N, C-alpha and C. Protein backbone atom coordinates (compact mmCIF):
# COMPACT_ATOMS: atom_id res chain seq x y z
N MET A 1 34.32 17.78 -6.62
CA MET A 1 35.17 16.62 -6.88
C MET A 1 34.95 15.58 -5.78
N ILE A 2 34.82 14.33 -6.19
CA ILE A 2 34.63 13.24 -5.23
C ILE A 2 35.98 12.58 -4.97
N THR A 3 36.28 12.42 -3.69
CA THR A 3 37.50 11.70 -3.32
C THR A 3 37.12 10.28 -2.94
N ASN A 4 38.11 9.46 -2.63
CA ASN A 4 37.84 8.08 -2.23
C ASN A 4 37.02 7.99 -0.96
N ASN A 5 37.03 9.06 -0.15
CA ASN A 5 36.31 9.03 1.11
C ASN A 5 34.84 9.43 0.96
N GLU A 6 34.49 10.07 -0.12
CA GLU A 6 33.13 10.56 -0.32
C GLU A 6 32.35 9.58 -1.19
N PRO A 7 31.21 9.14 -0.69
CA PRO A 7 30.41 8.22 -1.49
C PRO A 7 29.88 8.90 -2.75
N PRO A 8 29.93 8.22 -3.89
CA PRO A 8 29.39 8.81 -5.11
C PRO A 8 27.86 8.91 -5.02
N GLU A 9 27.30 9.88 -5.70
CA GLU A 9 25.85 10.04 -5.68
C GLU A 9 25.16 8.82 -6.31
N PHE A 10 25.75 8.32 -7.39
CA PHE A 10 25.15 7.18 -8.09
C PHE A 10 26.20 6.07 -8.23
N PRO A 11 26.31 5.21 -7.23
CA PRO A 11 27.37 4.20 -7.24
C PRO A 11 27.28 3.20 -8.40
N VAL A 12 26.12 3.06 -9.01
CA VAL A 12 25.99 2.15 -10.16
C VAL A 12 25.76 2.94 -11.44
N GLY A 13 25.98 4.23 -11.39
CA GLY A 13 25.75 5.09 -12.55
C GLY A 13 24.32 5.62 -12.55
N GLU A 14 24.12 6.68 -13.30
CA GLU A 14 22.78 7.26 -13.40
C GLU A 14 21.87 6.35 -14.21
N TYR A 15 20.58 6.50 -13.99
CA TYR A 15 19.61 5.70 -14.72
C TYR A 15 19.64 6.07 -16.20
N VAL A 16 19.65 5.06 -17.06
CA VAL A 16 19.60 5.26 -18.50
C VAL A 16 18.38 4.54 -19.02
N GLU A 17 17.50 5.28 -19.69
CA GLU A 17 16.27 4.72 -20.26
C GLU A 17 16.62 3.67 -21.30
N SER A 18 15.91 2.57 -21.27
CA SER A 18 16.11 1.50 -22.25
C SER A 18 14.74 1.03 -22.70
N ASP A 19 14.58 0.86 -23.99
CA ASP A 19 13.27 0.49 -24.53
C ASP A 19 13.40 -0.69 -25.48
N SER A 20 13.59 -1.86 -24.91
CA SER A 20 13.78 -3.07 -25.70
C SER A 20 12.81 -4.14 -25.22
N PRO A 21 11.89 -4.58 -26.08
CA PRO A 21 10.88 -5.55 -25.65
C PRO A 21 11.47 -6.86 -25.10
N GLU A 22 12.59 -7.30 -25.65
CA GLU A 22 13.18 -8.56 -25.18
C GLU A 22 13.77 -8.44 -23.79
N GLN A 23 13.90 -7.23 -23.30
CA GLN A 23 14.47 -7.04 -21.97
C GLN A 23 13.51 -7.44 -20.86
N LEU A 24 12.23 -7.57 -21.15
CA LEU A 24 11.27 -7.93 -20.11
C LEU A 24 11.64 -9.25 -19.45
N VAL A 25 12.09 -10.22 -20.22
CA VAL A 25 12.50 -11.52 -19.66
C VAL A 25 13.65 -11.32 -18.68
N LEU A 26 14.63 -10.51 -19.06
CA LEU A 26 15.77 -10.24 -18.17
C LEU A 26 15.33 -9.44 -16.95
N GLN A 27 14.41 -8.50 -17.13
CA GLN A 27 13.92 -7.71 -16.02
C GLN A 27 13.17 -8.58 -15.02
N LEU A 28 12.38 -9.51 -15.51
CA LEU A 28 11.67 -10.43 -14.62
C LEU A 28 12.64 -11.29 -13.83
N LYS A 29 13.67 -11.76 -14.50
CA LYS A 29 14.69 -12.57 -13.81
C LYS A 29 15.36 -11.73 -12.71
N GLU A 30 15.69 -10.49 -13.03
CA GLU A 30 16.32 -9.61 -12.04
C GLU A 30 15.36 -9.31 -10.89
N LEU A 31 14.09 -9.07 -11.21
CA LEU A 31 13.11 -8.79 -10.16
C LEU A 31 13.01 -9.97 -9.18
N ARG A 32 13.03 -11.18 -9.70
CA ARG A 32 12.97 -12.36 -8.84
C ARG A 32 14.21 -12.49 -7.96
N GLN A 33 15.34 -12.05 -8.48
CA GLN A 33 16.62 -12.20 -7.76
C GLN A 33 16.88 -11.07 -6.77
N CYS A 34 16.13 -9.98 -6.87
CA CYS A 34 16.40 -8.81 -6.01
C CYS A 34 16.45 -9.13 -4.52
N PRO A 35 15.48 -9.87 -3.97
CA PRO A 35 15.58 -10.14 -2.53
C PRO A 35 16.87 -10.87 -2.14
N THR A 36 17.31 -11.78 -2.98
CA THR A 36 18.57 -12.50 -2.72
C THR A 36 19.75 -11.54 -2.80
N GLU A 37 19.73 -10.66 -3.80
CA GLU A 37 20.82 -9.68 -3.94
C GLU A 37 20.87 -8.76 -2.72
N ILE A 38 19.72 -8.35 -2.25
CA ILE A 38 19.68 -7.47 -1.08
C ILE A 38 20.21 -8.22 0.15
N ARG A 39 19.76 -9.46 0.33
CA ARG A 39 20.26 -10.28 1.45
C ARG A 39 21.78 -10.45 1.35
N ASN A 40 22.26 -10.75 0.15
CA ASN A 40 23.70 -10.95 -0.04
C ASN A 40 24.49 -9.68 0.28
N SER A 41 23.89 -8.53 -0.02
CA SER A 41 24.60 -7.27 0.21
C SER A 41 24.84 -7.00 1.69
N ILE A 42 24.00 -7.55 2.55
CA ILE A 42 24.16 -7.32 3.99
C ILE A 42 24.63 -8.55 4.74
N ASN A 43 24.88 -9.62 4.01
CA ASN A 43 25.32 -10.87 4.61
C ASN A 43 26.54 -10.64 5.49
N SER A 44 26.48 -11.13 6.69
CA SER A 44 27.56 -11.11 7.69
C SER A 44 27.83 -9.73 8.30
N LEU A 45 27.03 -8.73 7.99
CA LEU A 45 27.23 -7.43 8.63
C LEU A 45 26.68 -7.49 10.05
N ASN A 46 27.41 -6.91 10.99
CA ASN A 46 26.96 -6.88 12.37
C ASN A 46 26.14 -5.61 12.63
N SER A 47 25.59 -5.50 13.81
CA SER A 47 24.74 -4.36 14.17
C SER A 47 25.46 -3.03 14.02
N GLU A 48 26.70 -2.99 14.40
CA GLU A 48 27.47 -1.75 14.28
C GLU A 48 27.65 -1.36 12.81
N GLN A 49 27.94 -2.33 11.98
CA GLN A 49 28.13 -2.05 10.55
C GLN A 49 26.82 -1.60 9.91
N LEU A 50 25.69 -2.14 10.36
CA LEU A 50 24.39 -1.75 9.81
C LEU A 50 24.07 -0.29 10.11
N GLU A 51 24.76 0.30 11.08
CA GLU A 51 24.52 1.70 11.43
C GLU A 51 25.42 2.67 10.66
N VAL A 52 26.36 2.14 9.90
CA VAL A 52 27.24 3.01 9.11
C VAL A 52 26.41 3.65 8.01
N ARG A 53 26.67 4.92 7.78
CA ARG A 53 25.86 5.70 6.83
C ARG A 53 26.51 5.80 5.46
N TYR A 54 25.67 5.73 4.48
CA TYR A 54 26.02 6.10 3.12
C TYR A 54 25.31 7.43 2.89
N ARG A 55 26.07 8.49 2.90
CA ARG A 55 25.52 9.84 2.88
C ARG A 55 24.56 10.01 4.06
N ASN A 56 23.24 10.06 3.83
CA ASN A 56 22.29 10.39 4.90
C ASN A 56 21.68 9.19 5.62
N TRP A 57 21.77 8.00 5.04
CA TRP A 57 21.07 6.84 5.61
C TRP A 57 22.04 5.76 6.03
N SER A 58 21.68 5.09 7.13
CA SER A 58 22.45 3.92 7.53
C SER A 58 22.09 2.75 6.61
N ILE A 59 22.90 1.73 6.64
CA ILE A 59 22.59 0.52 5.86
C ILE A 59 21.24 -0.02 6.29
N ARG A 60 20.96 0.00 7.57
CA ARG A 60 19.66 -0.47 8.08
C ARG A 60 18.52 0.32 7.42
N GLN A 61 18.66 1.64 7.39
CA GLN A 61 17.63 2.48 6.78
C GLN A 61 17.50 2.21 5.29
N ILE A 62 18.60 1.95 4.62
CA ILE A 62 18.56 1.65 3.18
C ILE A 62 17.73 0.39 2.93
N VAL A 63 17.99 -0.65 3.72
CA VAL A 63 17.25 -1.91 3.51
C VAL A 63 15.76 -1.70 3.78
N HIS A 64 15.43 -1.03 4.86
CA HIS A 64 14.01 -0.77 5.14
C HIS A 64 13.40 0.13 4.07
N HIS A 65 14.17 1.07 3.57
CA HIS A 65 13.69 1.93 2.47
C HIS A 65 13.37 1.09 1.23
N LEU A 66 14.22 0.13 0.93
CA LEU A 66 13.96 -0.72 -0.23
C LEU A 66 12.63 -1.45 -0.08
N ALA A 67 12.34 -1.96 1.10
CA ALA A 67 11.06 -2.63 1.32
C ALA A 67 9.91 -1.64 1.16
N ASP A 68 10.03 -0.47 1.75
CA ASP A 68 8.98 0.55 1.64
C ASP A 68 8.75 0.95 0.19
N SER A 69 9.82 1.21 -0.51
CA SER A 69 9.73 1.67 -1.89
C SER A 69 9.12 0.60 -2.81
N GLN A 70 9.56 -0.63 -2.65
CA GLN A 70 9.05 -1.70 -3.51
C GLN A 70 7.58 -1.98 -3.22
N LEU A 71 7.20 -1.91 -1.97
CA LEU A 71 5.79 -2.09 -1.62
C LEU A 71 4.95 -1.00 -2.27
N ASN A 72 5.41 0.24 -2.19
CA ASN A 72 4.69 1.34 -2.83
C ASN A 72 4.61 1.16 -4.34
N THR A 73 5.69 0.73 -4.95
CA THR A 73 5.69 0.55 -6.41
C THR A 73 4.76 -0.59 -6.82
N TYR A 74 4.74 -1.65 -6.06
CA TYR A 74 3.80 -2.75 -6.34
C TYR A 74 2.36 -2.24 -6.29
N ILE A 75 2.05 -1.45 -5.28
CA ILE A 75 0.70 -0.90 -5.16
C ILE A 75 0.39 0.00 -6.35
N ARG A 76 1.37 0.75 -6.80
CA ARG A 76 1.17 1.60 -7.98
C ARG A 76 0.86 0.76 -9.21
N PHE A 77 1.53 -0.37 -9.33
CA PHE A 77 1.23 -1.30 -10.43
C PHE A 77 -0.23 -1.73 -10.37
N LYS A 78 -0.67 -2.09 -9.19
CA LYS A 78 -2.06 -2.55 -9.03
C LYS A 78 -3.05 -1.44 -9.35
N TRP A 79 -2.76 -0.22 -8.90
CA TRP A 79 -3.64 0.90 -9.24
C TRP A 79 -3.72 1.09 -10.75
N ALA A 80 -2.56 1.06 -11.41
CA ALA A 80 -2.55 1.26 -12.86
C ALA A 80 -3.33 0.16 -13.58
N LEU A 81 -3.32 -1.03 -13.03
CA LEU A 81 -4.04 -2.14 -13.66
C LEU A 81 -5.54 -2.11 -13.38
N THR A 82 -5.95 -1.37 -12.38
CA THR A 82 -7.36 -1.41 -11.98
C THR A 82 -8.07 -0.06 -12.09
N GLU A 83 -7.32 0.99 -12.42
CA GLU A 83 -7.91 2.31 -12.58
C GLU A 83 -7.35 2.94 -13.86
N ALA A 84 -8.05 3.91 -14.39
CA ALA A 84 -7.61 4.58 -15.62
C ALA A 84 -6.59 5.66 -15.28
N SER A 85 -5.33 5.39 -15.55
CA SER A 85 -4.21 6.31 -15.33
C SER A 85 -4.34 7.10 -14.03
N PRO A 86 -4.34 6.39 -12.90
CA PRO A 86 -4.55 7.07 -11.61
C PRO A 86 -3.40 8.01 -11.23
N LEU A 87 -3.74 8.98 -10.43
CA LEU A 87 -2.74 9.82 -9.77
C LEU A 87 -2.27 9.02 -8.56
N ILE A 88 -0.99 8.67 -8.54
CA ILE A 88 -0.50 7.84 -7.44
C ILE A 88 -0.15 8.69 -6.24
N LYS A 89 -0.14 8.05 -5.11
CA LYS A 89 0.27 8.68 -3.86
C LYS A 89 1.77 8.52 -3.73
N THR A 90 2.45 9.61 -3.42
CA THR A 90 3.89 9.53 -3.18
C THR A 90 4.13 9.39 -1.68
N PHE A 91 5.38 9.16 -1.32
CA PHE A 91 5.71 9.11 0.11
C PHE A 91 7.02 9.84 0.33
N ASN A 92 7.15 10.47 1.45
CA ASN A 92 8.34 11.21 1.79
C ASN A 92 9.39 10.23 2.30
N GLU A 93 10.29 9.84 1.40
CA GLU A 93 11.29 8.81 1.72
C GLU A 93 12.14 9.19 2.92
N THR A 94 12.50 10.46 3.01
CA THR A 94 13.33 10.90 4.13
C THR A 94 12.60 10.74 5.45
N LYS A 95 11.35 11.19 5.50
CA LYS A 95 10.59 11.06 6.74
C LYS A 95 10.31 9.60 7.07
N TRP A 96 10.02 8.78 6.05
CA TRP A 96 9.81 7.36 6.30
C TRP A 96 11.07 6.73 6.87
N SER A 97 12.24 7.16 6.39
CA SER A 97 13.50 6.57 6.87
C SER A 97 13.81 6.98 8.31
N GLU A 98 13.12 8.01 8.80
CA GLU A 98 13.35 8.49 10.16
C GLU A 98 12.38 7.89 11.17
N THR A 99 11.43 7.10 10.72
CA THR A 99 10.52 6.46 11.67
C THR A 99 11.28 5.39 12.45
N PHE A 100 10.76 5.07 13.63
CA PHE A 100 11.47 4.14 14.51
C PHE A 100 11.78 2.81 13.82
N ASP A 101 10.79 2.24 13.11
CA ASP A 101 11.03 0.93 12.49
C ASP A 101 12.15 0.99 11.46
N ALA A 102 12.27 2.08 10.73
CA ALA A 102 13.32 2.20 9.71
C ALA A 102 14.69 2.44 10.35
N ARG A 103 14.71 3.11 11.47
CA ARG A 103 15.98 3.43 12.14
C ARG A 103 16.49 2.30 13.03
N GLU A 104 15.55 1.57 13.66
CA GLU A 104 15.96 0.71 14.76
C GLU A 104 15.62 -0.78 14.61
N SER A 105 14.64 -1.11 13.81
CA SER A 105 14.17 -2.50 13.86
C SER A 105 15.06 -3.45 13.07
N GLU A 106 14.89 -4.72 13.41
CA GLU A 106 15.63 -5.78 12.74
C GLU A 106 15.26 -5.79 11.25
N LEU A 107 16.16 -6.30 10.44
CA LEU A 107 15.96 -6.29 8.99
C LEU A 107 15.11 -7.44 8.48
N GLU A 108 15.06 -8.52 9.23
CA GLU A 108 14.39 -9.72 8.73
C GLU A 108 12.94 -9.48 8.29
N PRO A 109 12.12 -8.74 9.03
CA PRO A 109 10.76 -8.51 8.54
C PRO A 109 10.72 -7.83 7.17
N SER A 110 11.61 -6.88 6.93
CA SER A 110 11.64 -6.23 5.61
C SER A 110 12.15 -7.19 4.54
N LEU A 111 13.10 -8.03 4.90
CA LEU A 111 13.62 -9.01 3.94
C LEU A 111 12.55 -10.04 3.58
N VAL A 112 11.82 -10.50 4.57
CA VAL A 112 10.73 -11.46 4.32
C VAL A 112 9.64 -10.80 3.48
N LEU A 113 9.33 -9.55 3.79
CA LEU A 113 8.33 -8.82 3.01
C LEU A 113 8.75 -8.78 1.54
N MET A 114 10.03 -8.47 1.28
CA MET A 114 10.50 -8.41 -0.10
C MET A 114 10.50 -9.78 -0.77
N ASP A 115 10.79 -10.83 -0.02
CA ASP A 115 10.73 -12.18 -0.60
C ASP A 115 9.34 -12.44 -1.18
N GLY A 116 8.33 -12.24 -0.36
CA GLY A 116 6.96 -12.50 -0.79
C GLY A 116 6.49 -11.52 -1.84
N LEU A 117 6.82 -10.26 -1.66
CA LEU A 117 6.39 -9.23 -2.60
C LEU A 117 6.96 -9.50 -3.99
N HIS A 118 8.23 -9.80 -4.07
CA HIS A 118 8.85 -10.03 -5.38
C HIS A 118 8.33 -11.31 -6.03
N ALA A 119 8.04 -12.32 -5.24
CA ALA A 119 7.46 -13.54 -5.80
C ALA A 119 6.11 -13.23 -6.43
N ARG A 120 5.29 -12.51 -5.70
CA ARG A 120 3.95 -12.18 -6.21
C ARG A 120 4.02 -11.20 -7.36
N TRP A 121 4.84 -10.19 -7.25
CA TRP A 121 5.00 -9.17 -8.29
C TRP A 121 5.49 -9.80 -9.59
N SER A 122 6.44 -10.72 -9.49
CA SER A 122 6.97 -11.39 -10.69
C SER A 122 5.87 -12.16 -11.41
N VAL A 123 5.05 -12.87 -10.65
CA VAL A 123 3.94 -13.62 -11.26
C VAL A 123 2.98 -12.66 -11.96
N LEU A 124 2.71 -11.54 -11.31
CA LEU A 124 1.82 -10.56 -11.92
C LEU A 124 2.38 -10.07 -13.24
N ILE A 125 3.61 -9.59 -13.24
CA ILE A 125 4.21 -9.02 -14.46
C ILE A 125 4.34 -10.06 -15.55
N GLU A 126 4.72 -11.26 -15.17
CA GLU A 126 4.90 -12.35 -16.12
C GLU A 126 3.61 -12.64 -16.89
N ASN A 127 2.50 -12.35 -16.28
CA ASN A 127 1.20 -12.67 -16.89
C ASN A 127 0.47 -11.45 -17.44
N LEU A 128 1.15 -10.33 -17.55
CA LEU A 128 0.53 -9.15 -18.13
C LEU A 128 0.62 -9.18 -19.65
N SER A 129 -0.43 -8.71 -20.29
CA SER A 129 -0.41 -8.55 -21.75
C SER A 129 0.35 -7.28 -22.09
N ASP A 130 0.66 -7.10 -23.36
CA ASP A 130 1.32 -5.86 -23.80
C ASP A 130 0.46 -4.65 -23.46
N ASP A 131 -0.85 -4.78 -23.65
CA ASP A 131 -1.75 -3.66 -23.31
C ASP A 131 -1.70 -3.34 -21.83
N GLU A 132 -1.61 -4.37 -21.00
CA GLU A 132 -1.54 -4.13 -19.55
C GLU A 132 -0.20 -3.50 -19.16
N LEU A 133 0.89 -3.92 -19.80
CA LEU A 133 2.19 -3.31 -19.52
C LEU A 133 2.23 -1.84 -19.93
N ASP A 134 1.35 -1.48 -20.87
CA ASP A 134 1.27 -0.09 -21.32
C ASP A 134 0.33 0.75 -20.48
N ARG A 135 -0.32 0.15 -19.48
CA ARG A 135 -1.18 0.92 -18.56
C ARG A 135 -0.31 1.92 -17.82
N THR A 136 -0.91 3.00 -17.41
CA THR A 136 -0.14 4.11 -16.86
C THR A 136 -0.67 4.60 -15.52
N PHE A 137 0.17 5.39 -14.87
CA PHE A 137 -0.25 6.19 -13.73
C PHE A 137 0.47 7.53 -13.84
N PHE A 138 -0.09 8.53 -13.18
CA PHE A 138 0.55 9.84 -13.14
C PHE A 138 1.34 9.95 -11.85
N HIS A 139 2.63 10.27 -11.99
CA HIS A 139 3.52 10.41 -10.84
C HIS A 139 3.74 11.91 -10.59
N PRO A 140 3.11 12.47 -9.53
CA PRO A 140 3.18 13.91 -9.32
C PRO A 140 4.58 14.45 -9.01
N GLU A 141 5.46 13.65 -8.41
CA GLU A 141 6.80 14.14 -8.11
C GLU A 141 7.63 14.37 -9.37
N VAL A 142 7.48 13.49 -10.33
CA VAL A 142 8.25 13.65 -11.57
C VAL A 142 7.43 14.37 -12.65
N GLY A 143 6.14 14.54 -12.37
CA GLY A 143 5.27 15.26 -13.30
C GLY A 143 5.07 14.55 -14.62
N GLU A 144 5.07 13.22 -14.59
CA GLU A 144 4.96 12.44 -15.81
C GLU A 144 3.91 11.35 -15.68
N ILE A 145 3.34 10.99 -16.82
CA ILE A 145 2.54 9.78 -16.92
C ILE A 145 3.52 8.67 -17.29
N LEU A 146 3.56 7.62 -16.48
CA LEU A 146 4.51 6.53 -16.68
C LEU A 146 3.76 5.23 -16.93
N SER A 147 4.25 4.45 -17.86
CA SER A 147 3.68 3.12 -18.10
C SER A 147 4.36 2.12 -17.17
N LEU A 148 3.69 1.02 -16.93
CA LEU A 148 4.30 -0.04 -16.13
C LEU A 148 5.57 -0.54 -16.79
N ARG A 149 5.58 -0.54 -18.12
CA ARG A 149 6.76 -0.96 -18.88
C ARG A 149 7.95 -0.03 -18.58
N GLN A 150 7.68 1.25 -18.34
CA GLN A 150 8.73 2.21 -18.00
C GLN A 150 9.15 2.11 -16.53
N VAL A 151 8.19 1.81 -15.67
CA VAL A 151 8.46 1.81 -14.24
C VAL A 151 9.32 0.62 -13.82
N LEU A 152 9.13 -0.52 -14.44
CA LEU A 152 9.88 -1.71 -14.04
C LEU A 152 11.39 -1.51 -14.11
N PRO A 153 11.96 -1.06 -15.24
CA PRO A 153 13.43 -0.89 -15.25
C PRO A 153 13.90 0.21 -14.30
N ARG A 154 13.08 1.23 -14.09
CA ARG A 154 13.45 2.28 -13.13
C ARG A 154 13.50 1.71 -11.71
N THR A 155 12.56 0.83 -11.42
CA THR A 155 12.53 0.19 -10.11
C THR A 155 13.75 -0.69 -9.91
N LEU A 156 14.10 -1.45 -10.93
CA LEU A 156 15.27 -2.33 -10.83
C LEU A 156 16.54 -1.52 -10.67
N TRP A 157 16.65 -0.40 -11.39
CA TRP A 157 17.81 0.47 -11.22
C TRP A 157 17.86 1.00 -9.78
N HIS A 158 16.71 1.39 -9.26
CA HIS A 158 16.64 1.93 -7.90
C HIS A 158 17.17 0.91 -6.88
N ILE A 159 16.81 -0.34 -7.07
CA ILE A 159 17.29 -1.40 -6.18
C ILE A 159 18.80 -1.56 -6.34
N ARG A 160 19.28 -1.62 -7.60
CA ARG A 160 20.73 -1.75 -7.84
C ARG A 160 21.49 -0.56 -7.24
N HIS A 161 20.89 0.63 -7.34
CA HIS A 161 21.49 1.85 -6.80
C HIS A 161 21.74 1.70 -5.30
N HIS A 162 20.73 1.23 -4.56
CA HIS A 162 20.90 1.11 -3.11
C HIS A 162 21.78 -0.07 -2.72
N VAL A 163 21.69 -1.17 -3.45
CA VAL A 163 22.61 -2.29 -3.20
C VAL A 163 24.05 -1.84 -3.50
N GLY A 164 24.19 -0.98 -4.52
CA GLY A 164 25.50 -0.42 -4.84
C GLY A 164 26.05 0.46 -3.73
N GLN A 165 25.17 1.17 -3.03
CA GLN A 165 25.60 1.97 -1.90
C GLN A 165 26.18 1.07 -0.80
N ILE A 166 25.48 -0.02 -0.54
CA ILE A 166 25.96 -0.95 0.49
C ILE A 166 27.29 -1.58 0.05
N ALA A 167 27.38 -1.95 -1.23
CA ALA A 167 28.62 -2.53 -1.75
C ALA A 167 29.77 -1.53 -1.63
N TRP A 168 29.49 -0.27 -1.90
CA TRP A 168 30.53 0.77 -1.78
C TRP A 168 31.04 0.84 -0.34
N LEU A 169 30.10 0.83 0.62
CA LEU A 169 30.51 0.88 2.02
C LEU A 169 31.32 -0.36 2.41
N ARG A 170 30.87 -1.52 1.95
CA ARG A 170 31.60 -2.76 2.28
C ARG A 170 33.02 -2.69 1.73
N ASN A 171 33.15 -2.19 0.52
CA ASN A 171 34.47 -2.08 -0.11
C ASN A 171 35.32 -1.03 0.60
N ARG A 172 34.71 0.09 0.90
CA ARG A 172 35.41 1.20 1.56
C ARG A 172 35.96 0.79 2.92
N HIS A 173 35.18 -0.01 3.65
CA HIS A 173 35.56 -0.42 5.00
C HIS A 173 36.22 -1.81 5.03
N ASP A 174 36.34 -2.42 3.86
CA ASP A 174 36.94 -3.75 3.75
C ASP A 174 36.22 -4.78 4.62
N TRP A 175 34.88 -4.80 4.50
CA TRP A 175 34.08 -5.76 5.26
C TRP A 175 33.92 -7.05 4.49
């Protein structure tokens, strides 16, 4: 049972698969807005607040994780577009979150990285054909072949999930 003091596992709800072609326009709009949403989620937080944990990670680690994760997903998109259903490389999110830069460094470099990455990624997706959106890669952690069309909404949910964690902490602490 979760009490008001315990952070929920999925603050924005569990991921629900959606398969609607008209959603691509909305997904692109959301992808473009993600860096702003992430910035807004940490707006006015001080250094002490950035160290508050949501379960295992501090807010600082969450933001750096978002940059790491999105960069990896963008690279996976490029692999899928340039290779025949490649086996993608995974990364140990927990160990990455424990590196010095994820634990200690300022957030601005990760925020700037996401600004540029999302701008470029949006242009890429916006110009993909249906056949290109159906290109795939094999994800060894989930044991599935995933299309780019499937990965985009999962990525957006992942971002909302972590922004939701920060929002939960802000609400819990009345920041």
